[in-house]
Protein backbone atom coordinates (compact mmCIF):
# COMPACT_ATOMS: atom_id res chain seq x y z
CA MET A 1 -25.97 6.94 6.31
CA GLU A 2 -28.74 9.31 4.98
CA HIS A 3 -32.26 8.68 6.13
CA LYS A 4 -34.86 8.39 3.40
CA SER A 5 -37.66 10.92 3.19
CA GLN A 6 -40.87 10.11 5.04
CA ASP A 7 -43.98 8.57 3.58
CA TRP A 8 -46.42 10.75 1.68
CA HIS A 9 -49.38 11.96 3.73
CA ARG A 10 -52.72 10.43 2.84
CA ALA A 11 -54.07 13.85 1.87
CA ASP A 12 -51.15 14.31 -0.53
CA ILE A 13 -51.87 10.93 -2.18
CA LYS A 14 -55.57 11.72 -2.56
CA SER A 15 -54.80 15.13 -3.89
CA ALA A 16 -52.25 13.83 -6.43
CA LEU A 17 -54.88 11.39 -7.67
CA GLU A 18 -57.52 14.07 -7.91
CA LYS A 19 -55.16 16.28 -9.90
CA ARG A 20 -55.10 13.46 -12.39
CA GLY A 21 -58.88 13.39 -12.48
CA ILE A 22 -59.48 10.20 -10.39
CA THR A 23 -60.61 9.46 -6.89
CA LEU A 24 -59.37 6.62 -4.69
CA ARG A 25 -62.81 5.02 -5.01
CA GLU A 26 -62.75 5.21 -8.74
CA LEU A 27 -59.31 3.76 -8.89
CA SER A 28 -60.40 0.88 -6.61
CA ARG A 29 -63.31 0.09 -8.85
CA SER A 30 -61.24 0.30 -12.09
CA ALA A 31 -58.77 -2.24 -10.54
CA GLY A 32 -61.68 -4.58 -9.86
CA LEU A 33 -61.76 -4.00 -6.08
CA SER A 34 -64.50 -2.85 -3.86
CA PRO A 35 -64.76 0.90 -3.74
CA ASP A 36 -63.05 1.42 -0.39
CA SER A 37 -60.34 -1.30 -0.74
CA LEU A 38 -57.44 1.05 -1.57
CA ARG A 39 -58.06 3.04 1.62
CA ASN A 40 -56.38 0.10 3.49
CA VAL A 41 -52.94 1.23 2.27
CA PHE A 42 -53.09 4.12 4.67
CA SER A 43 -53.06 1.82 7.70
CA ARG A 44 -50.96 -1.12 6.61
CA SER A 45 -48.61 -2.36 3.92
CA TRP A 46 -50.46 -3.89 1.01
CA PRO A 47 -48.05 -4.26 -1.92
CA ARG A 48 -50.53 -4.99 -4.69
CA GLU A 49 -52.67 -2.00 -3.78
CA GLU A 50 -49.65 0.21 -3.28
CA GLN A 51 -48.59 -0.66 -6.80
CA ILE A 52 -52.02 0.26 -8.25
CA ILE A 53 -51.87 3.72 -6.62
CA ALA A 54 -48.18 4.24 -7.68
CA GLN A 55 -48.98 3.37 -11.27
CA ALA A 56 -51.84 5.86 -11.29
CA LEU A 57 -49.42 8.52 -10.02
CA GLU A 58 -46.75 7.45 -12.59
CA THR A 59 -44.24 6.59 -9.84
CA THR A 60 -43.22 3.63 -7.74
CA PRO A 61 -44.47 2.50 -4.35
CA ASP A 62 -41.09 3.02 -2.71
CA VAL A 63 -41.26 6.73 -3.52
CA ILE A 64 -44.65 7.07 -1.88
CA TRP A 65 -44.00 4.76 1.11
CA PRO A 66 -40.17 4.73 1.57
CA SER A 67 -40.56 3.34 5.12
CA ARG A 68 -42.17 0.24 3.72
CA TYR A 69 -39.47 -0.40 1.25
CA GLN A 70 -36.29 0.11 3.24
CA SER A 71 -33.83 -2.66 3.09
CA LYS A 72 -33.28 -4.68 6.25
CA SER A 73 -29.87 -3.04 6.81
CA GLU A 74 -31.41 0.42 6.45
CA LYS A 75 -34.11 -0.45 9.01
CA ASN A 76 -31.47 -1.88 11.40
CA ALA A 77 -29.38 1.33 11.05
CA VAL A 78 -32.34 3.58 11.84
CA LEU A 79 -33.23 1.42 14.93
CA LYS A 80 -29.61 1.50 16.10
CA ASN A 81 -29.43 5.24 15.78
CA ASN A 82 -32.72 5.64 17.59
CA CYS A 83 -31.48 3.45 20.49
CA GLN A 84 -28.38 5.56 20.90
CA LEU A 85 -30.35 8.82 21.35
């Protein structure tokens, strides 16, 4: 089974937003959140906020954070492979 690519680095996400002319703070405010709310996605899964960022980048959250959107069977396969090493 092929392992999905790893999550985007926070700097890549911020850079991609800035290339579209928006900062994370501006995106937070435009979504009706406090200015620093969207920063939370860098430390934990937060589906609603992940969707806001993904939409701004014209993609889906599973592309940006594949580790958070793996199916249960994929996660189990990765764990099993890691245990066998």
